Amino acid sequence: MIIERQQDVTVAAETVMEQTSDPRLREIMVSLVRHLHGFVRDVRLTEAEFREAAAVLGELGKLTTDTHNEIILMAGSLGVSSLVCLLNNGDQGNTETAQSLLGPFWRLNSPRVANGGSIVRSDTPGAPMFVTARVVDRAGHPVAEAEVDVWHASPVGLYENQDPEQAEMNLRGKFTTDADGRFWFRSVMMTGYPIPTDGVVGRLLKLQNRHPYRPAHLHALIFKPGFKVLISQVYDPADPHLDSDVQFGVTKPLIGNFVRHEEPHPTEADVGPPWYSLDYVYRIEPGDAVLPRPPIK
């Protein structure tokens, strides 16, 4: 159609989107055009602002590499990652769920570790941490032979792909649940950390007077055919940024009980105080076991 006024642009674009063959893609594209055009009108976006926004999108892509994903970082910082997670789990956000956002640091092919083993692969100073956990279904029955991928930041607040001082795959491991749905391992107590702020996300946080911190947490990705892949984070309730996570990821079911012990470990002779323990239950739901695309390599 020939455009005669600004309202015609939206009509023309929606008409074109309606021609999309795939029903779901058609629904998404029609809504996207309607909301994008509405947003432009709502804020009366200027030409200079539009050009700046286009440049920012280009920069997000350029900053995304094999070891860093600025796009996922931005999605989390806008609350989009958490919103998508909660809309698609826990009865569309109406009930509690152990699902959480994937984050930008999950990697494929973590080394397999026997239950009771350690995921510390290089000199990593910090208080010892012992994790015991169970994987159960919605009825509370144990889920055996589930693959559990775990990873977390070091006590200096860096994942191993960010830190040349750490060994490859340090603080990462893949476990298999036993007949009771249990897995357990040893690591070091993690700390909260600032997300990378040397890119677009960092500039946005500064303009908004926001801090860049995530509260200390343990990641897990649980895979078992017949169940939806569970992506989870368990948070330390003692972290000072628990209620102001820069990525909006903390929900009540994800707050764990990281217990600090001031006495020697009862069975590990090399472990003196302080050391930490975490006991947590992961509940998974029926569905298709489809792994997400890794945000980094």
Protein backbone atom coordinates (compact mmCIF):
# COMPACT_ATOMS: atom_id res chain seq x y z
CA MET A 1 0.00 0.00 0.00
CA ILE A 2 1.10 3.58 -0.54
CA ILE A 3 1.86 5.23 2.82
CA GLU A 4 -0.07 8.48 3.29
CA ARG A 5 0.33 8.98 7.06
CA GLN A 6 2.29 7.48 9.93
CA GLN A 7 -0.58 5.23 11.02
CA ASP A 8 -0.47 3.53 7.61
CA VAL A 9 3.00 2.13 8.31
CA THR A 10 1.69 -0.06 11.12
CA VAL A 11 -1.28 -1.26 9.04
CA ALA A 12 1.01 -2.15 6.13
CA ALA A 13 3.56 -3.94 8.31
CA GLU A 14 0.89 -5.96 10.17
CA THR A 15 -0.69 -6.95 6.84
CA VAL A 16 2.64 -8.30 5.61
CA MET A 17 3.25 -10.17 8.86
CA GLU A 18 -0.17 -11.83 8.50
CA GLN A 19 1.14 -13.55 5.35
CA THR A 20 3.65 -15.62 7.41
CA SER A 21 3.01 -19.32 6.78
CA ASP A 22 3.95 -20.73 10.18
CA PRO A 23 1.09 -19.99 12.63
CA ARG A 24 3.29 -19.44 15.69
CA LEU A 25 5.77 -17.25 13.81
CA ARG A 26 2.83 -15.29 12.37
CA GLU A 27 1.44 -14.70 15.87
CA ILE A 28 4.84 -13.56 17.14
CA MET A 29 5.60 -11.23 14.23
CA VAL A 30 2.18 -9.55 14.20
CA SER A 31 2.41 -8.89 17.93
CA LEU A 32 6.03 -7.76 17.62
CA VAL A 33 5.17 -5.17 14.98
CA ARG A 34 2.14 -3.96 16.91
CA HIS A 35 4.09 -3.53 20.16
CA LEU A 36 7.23 -2.09 18.55
CA HIS A 37 5.24 0.51 16.68
CA GLY A 38 3.27 1.27 19.83
CA PHE A 39 6.49 1.71 21.77
CA VAL A 40 7.88 4.11 19.15
CA ARG A 41 4.73 6.20 19.37
CA ASP A 42 4.58 6.02 23.16
CA VAL A 43 8.07 7.45 23.67
CA ARG A 44 8.01 9.51 20.43
CA LEU A 45 11.35 8.05 19.43
CA THR A 46 13.53 10.57 17.64
CA GLU A 47 15.61 9.84 14.56
CA ALA A 48 18.83 10.30 16.53
CA GLU A 49 17.61 7.91 19.23
CA PHE A 50 16.66 5.32 16.63
CA ARG A 51 20.12 5.45 15.06
CA GLU A 52 21.70 5.14 18.50
CA ALA A 53 19.49 2.14 19.32
CA ALA A 54 20.48 0.45 16.06
CA ALA A 55 24.15 1.01 16.89
CA VAL A 56 23.64 -0.48 20.36
CA LEU A 57 22.07 -3.62 18.88
CA GLY A 58 25.03 -3.95 16.53
CA GLU A 59 27.43 -3.53 19.44
CA LEU A 60 25.64 -6.25 21.43
CA GLY A 61 26.33 -8.65 18.59
CA LYS A 62 29.98 -7.65 18.23
CA LEU A 63 30.58 -8.08 21.96
CA THR A 64 29.18 -11.63 21.94
CA THR A 65 32.04 -14.12 21.58
CA ASP A 66 32.86 -17.75 22.36
CA THR A 67 33.50 -16.81 26.00
CA HIS A 68 31.07 -13.92 26.58
CA ASN A 69 27.41 -13.37 25.64
CA GLU A 70 26.45 -9.70 25.91
CA ILE A 71 22.98 -10.34 24.45
CA ILE A 72 22.06 -12.83 27.17
CA LEU A 73 23.58 -10.49 29.74
CA MET A 74 21.34 -7.67 28.50
CA ALA A 75 18.25 -9.91 28.46
CA GLY A 76 18.86 -10.77 32.10
CA SER A 77 19.50 -7.17 33.08
CA LEU A 78 16.15 -6.15 31.57
CA GLY A 79 14.32 -8.95 33.40
CA VAL A 80 13.41 -10.69 30.14
CA SER A 81 15.25 -13.96 30.88
CA SER A 82 13.54 -14.37 34.24
CA LEU A 83 10.13 -13.44 32.83
CA VAL A 84 10.37 -16.00 30.02
CA CYS A 85 11.41 -18.64 32.56
CA LEU A 86 8.51 -17.98 34.93
CA LEU A 87 5.95 -17.73 32.11
CA ASN A 88 6.91 -21.20 30.90
CA ASN A 89 7.24 -23.06 34.21
CA GLY A 90 5.36 -23.52 37.45
CA ASP A 91 1.97 -23.55 35.74
CA GLN A 92 2.79 -20.37 33.83
CA GLY A 93 4.06 -18.61 36.91
CA ASN A 94 1.17 -19.54 39.18
CA THR A 95 3.02 -22.10 41.31
CA GLU A 96 6.51 -22.43 42.71
CA THR A 97 9.23 -23.75 40.44
CA ALA A 98 12.91 -24.62 40.72
CA GLN A 99 13.45 -23.37 37.17
CA SER A 100 15.62 -20.31 36.73
CA LEU A 101 17.42 -18.45 33.97
CA LEU A 102 20.32 -20.21 32.25
CA GLY A 103 22.70 -17.28 32.44
CA PRO A 104 25.62 -16.57 30.10
CA PHE A 105 28.21 -19.04 31.45
CA TRP A 106 26.90 -22.58 30.90
CA ARG A 107 29.18 -24.79 28.80
CA LEU A 108 28.62 -28.16 27.16
CA ASN A 109 30.72 -31.22 27.97
CA SER A 110 31.57 -30.62 31.61
CA PRO A 111 33.81 -33.42 32.92
CA ARG A 112 32.02 -36.38 34.48
CA VAL A 113 32.60 -36.75 38.21
CA ALA A 114 31.67 -39.65 40.48
CA ASN A 115 29.33 -38.87 43.33
CA GLY A 116 31.34 -37.67 46.30
CA GLY A 117 34.07 -36.29 44.05
CA SER A 118 35.39 -32.76 43.81
CA ILE A 119 34.88 -30.23 41.02
CA VAL A 120 37.90 -28.18 42.14
CA ARG A 121 40.55 -28.61 39.43
CA SER A 122 43.07 -25.94 40.31
CA ASP A 123 44.28 -24.08 43.38
CA THR A 124 41.08 -22.28 44.41
CA PRO A 125 41.35 -20.72 47.88
CA GLY A 126 38.07 -20.68 49.77
CA ALA A 127 36.06 -22.44 52.42
CA PRO A 128 35.21 -26.06 51.53
CA MET A 129 31.61 -26.68 50.50
CA PHE A 130 29.78 -30.02 50.51
CA VAL A 131 26.60 -30.32 48.45
CA THR A 132 24.05 -33.12 48.82
CA ALA A 133 20.95 -33.00 46.66
CA ARG A 134 18.04 -35.05 45.36
CA VAL A 135 16.19 -34.96 42.08
CA VAL A 136 12.49 -35.88 42.37
CA ASP A 137 9.42 -35.73 40.15
CA ARG A 138 6.28 -33.71 40.90
CA ALA A 139 4.98 -36.48 43.19
CA GLY A 140 8.22 -36.53 45.15
CA HIS A 141 9.47 -39.82 43.73
CA PRO A 142 13.24 -40.08 43.16
CA VAL A 143 14.52 -39.69 39.61
CA ALA A 144 17.42 -42.08 39.04
CA GLU A 145 20.02 -41.89 36.26
CA ALA A 146 19.49 -38.16 35.68
CA GLU A 147 22.48 -36.18 34.41
CA VAL A 148 23.20 -33.17 36.60
CA ASP A 149 25.51 -30.49 35.25
CA VAL A 150 26.74 -28.11 37.98
CA TRP A 151 28.86 -24.97 37.77
CA HIS A 152 29.55 -21.87 39.84
CA ALA A 153 31.84 -18.88 40.18
CA SER A 154 35.00 -19.02 42.24
CA PRO A 155 35.42 -17.28 45.61
CA VAL A 156 36.90 -14.31 43.72
CA GLY A 157 33.68 -13.98 41.72
CA LEU A 158 34.87 -15.31 38.34
CA TYR A 159 33.92 -18.32 36.25
CA GLU A 160 36.88 -20.26 34.94
CA ASN A 161 36.41 -19.05 31.35
CA GLN A 162 36.86 -15.47 32.67
CA ASP A 163 39.93 -16.21 34.76
CA PRO A 164 43.32 -17.34 33.37
CA GLU A 165 44.36 -18.36 36.89
CA GLN A 166 41.79 -21.17 36.93
CA ALA A 167 42.19 -24.53 35.20
CA GLU A 168 39.96 -25.47 32.28
CA MET A 169 36.52 -26.56 33.58
CA ASN A 170 37.35 -25.61 37.15
CA LEU A 171 34.24 -25.65 39.36
CA ARG A 172 32.24 -27.53 36.73
CA GLY A 173 31.14 -31.14 36.73
CA LYS A 174 28.51 -33.60 35.55
CA PHE A 175 27.00 -36.13 37.95
CA THR A 176 24.50 -39.00 37.68
CA THR A 177 21.80 -39.48 40.28
CA ASP A 178 21.65 -42.81 42.14
CA ALA A 179 18.60 -44.99 42.72
CA ASP A 180 17.35 -42.54 45.36
CA GLY A 181 17.74 -39.58 43.01
CA ARG A 182 20.75 -38.32 44.97
CA PHE A 183 24.01 -36.74 43.90
CA TRP A 184 26.69 -35.19 46.06
CA PHE A 185 30.05 -33.49 45.63
CA ARG A 186 32.69 -31.25 47.11
CA SER A 187 33.66 -27.74 46.01
CA VAL A 188 34.47 -24.36 47.56
CA MET A 189 31.97 -21.79 48.78
CA MET A 190 31.19 -19.32 46.05
CA THR A 191 30.64 -15.60 46.42
CA GLY A 192 28.45 -13.01 44.78
CA TYR A 193 30.02 -11.21 41.87
CA PRO A 194 29.57 -8.28 39.49
CA ILE A 195 28.49 -9.13 35.96
CA PRO A 196 30.82 -7.82 33.22
CA THR A 197 30.41 -4.06 32.94
CA ASP A 198 32.85 -3.21 30.13
CA GLY A 199 30.17 -3.25 27.44
CA VAL A 200 26.65 -2.06 26.65
CA VAL A 201 25.13 -3.58 29.79
CA GLY A 202 27.67 -1.85 32.02
CA ARG A 203 26.90 1.54 30.46
CA LEU A 204 23.17 0.98 30.97
CA LEU A 205 23.60 0.05 34.63
CA LYS A 206 25.68 3.18 35.22
CA LEU A 207 23.04 5.39 33.62
CA GLN A 208 20.38 3.77 35.81
CA ASN A 209 22.43 4.04 39.03
CA ARG A 210 22.23 0.25 39.46
CA HIS A 211 24.83 -2.00 41.02
CA PRO A 212 26.12 -4.89 38.87
CA TYR A 213 26.03 -7.67 41.48
CA ARG A 214 24.54 -11.14 41.41
CA PRO A 215 24.09 -12.91 44.77
CA ALA A 216 26.16 -16.06 45.35
CA HIS A 217 24.55 -19.06 43.68
CA LEU A 218 25.05 -22.63 42.48
CA HIS A 219 23.93 -23.51 38.94
CA ALA A 220 22.48 -26.87 37.94
CA LEU A 221 21.13 -28.24 34.67
CA ILE A 222 19.33 -31.58 35.00
CA PHE A 223 18.69 -33.84 32.00
CA LYS A 224 16.56 -37.00 31.98
CA PRO A 225 14.52 -38.36 29.04
CA GLY A 226 10.81 -37.95 29.72
CA PHE A 227 11.31 -34.77 31.73
CA LYS A 228 11.71 -31.12 30.81
CA VAL A 229 15.31 -30.05 31.30
CA LEU A 230 15.56 -28.29 34.65
CA ILE A 231 17.77 -25.21 34.71
CA SER A 232 18.21 -23.93 38.23
CA GLN A 233 20.18 -21.64 40.52
CA VAL A 234 20.29 -21.99 44.30
CA TYR A 235 21.06 -18.76 46.15
CA ASP A 236 22.84 -18.05 49.42
CA PRO A 237 20.37 -16.28 51.77
CA ALA A 238 23.24 -14.49 53.53
CA ASP A 239 24.31 -12.62 50.40
CA PRO A 240 23.79 -8.84 50.73
CA HIS A 241 22.41 -8.59 47.18
CA LEU A 242 19.80 -11.32 47.52
CA ASP A 243 16.90 -8.89 47.09
CA SER A 244 18.53 -6.74 44.40
CA ASP A 245 19.93 -9.25 41.91
CA VAL A 246 20.97 -7.35 38.78
CA GLN A 247 19.53 -10.20 36.68
CA PHE A 248 16.19 -10.48 38.58
CA GLY A 249 16.70 -14.22 39.09
CA VAL A 250 15.98 -14.80 42.79
CA THR A 251 12.67 -16.46 43.70
CA LYS A 252 11.75 -17.90 47.10
CA PRO A 253 12.02 -21.58 46.05
CA LEU A 254 15.59 -20.94 44.89
CA ILE A 255 16.88 -19.68 48.23
CA GLY A 256 18.94 -22.52 49.67
CA ASN A 257 20.25 -23.23 53.13
CA PHE A 258 24.00 -22.79 52.94
CA VAL A 259 25.03 -23.75 56.48
CA ARG A 260 28.30 -22.42 57.89
CA HIS A 261 30.02 -24.88 60.24
CA GLU A 262 32.47 -23.74 62.91
CA GLU A 263 33.73 -27.18 63.87
CA PRO A 264 35.95 -29.67 61.99
CA HIS A 265 34.24 -31.79 59.34
CA PRO A 266 33.08 -35.10 60.89
CA THR A 267 34.48 -37.33 58.13
CA GLU A 268 36.97 -35.24 56.10
CA ALA A 269 40.16 -35.01 58.14
CA ASP A 270 41.60 -32.23 55.97
CA VAL A 271 38.60 -29.93 56.48
CA GLY A 272 38.67 -27.54 59.39
CA PRO A 273 36.32 -24.66 60.15
CA PRO A 274 34.79 -22.84 58.56
CA TRP A 275 33.17 -25.06 55.96
CA TYR A 276 29.73 -25.01 54.34
CA SER A 277 27.05 -27.52 53.49
CA LEU A 278 24.01 -27.33 51.23
CA ASP A 279 21.14 -29.82 51.10
CA TYR A 280 18.61 -29.13 48.35
CA VAL A 281 15.79 -30.91 46.47
CA TYR A 282 15.30 -30.30 42.74
CA ARG A 283 11.81 -31.05 41.42
CA ILE A 284 11.50 -31.73 37.69
CA GLU A 285 8.38 -31.84 35.52
CA PRO A 286 7.32 -34.16 32.67
CA GLY A 287 8.18 -32.91 29.22
CA ASP A 288 10.64 -33.08 26.36
CA ALA A 289 14.30 -33.39 27.32
CA VAL A 290 15.79 -30.74 25.04
CA LEU A 291 19.09 -29.13 25.94
CA PRO A 292 19.35 -25.35 25.47
CA ARG A 293 21.83 -23.82 23.07
CA PRO A 294 25.01 -23.05 25.04
CA PRO A 295 25.52 -19.27 25.40
CA ILE A 296 29.32 -19.76 25.27
CA LYS A 297 31.73 -22.43 24.03
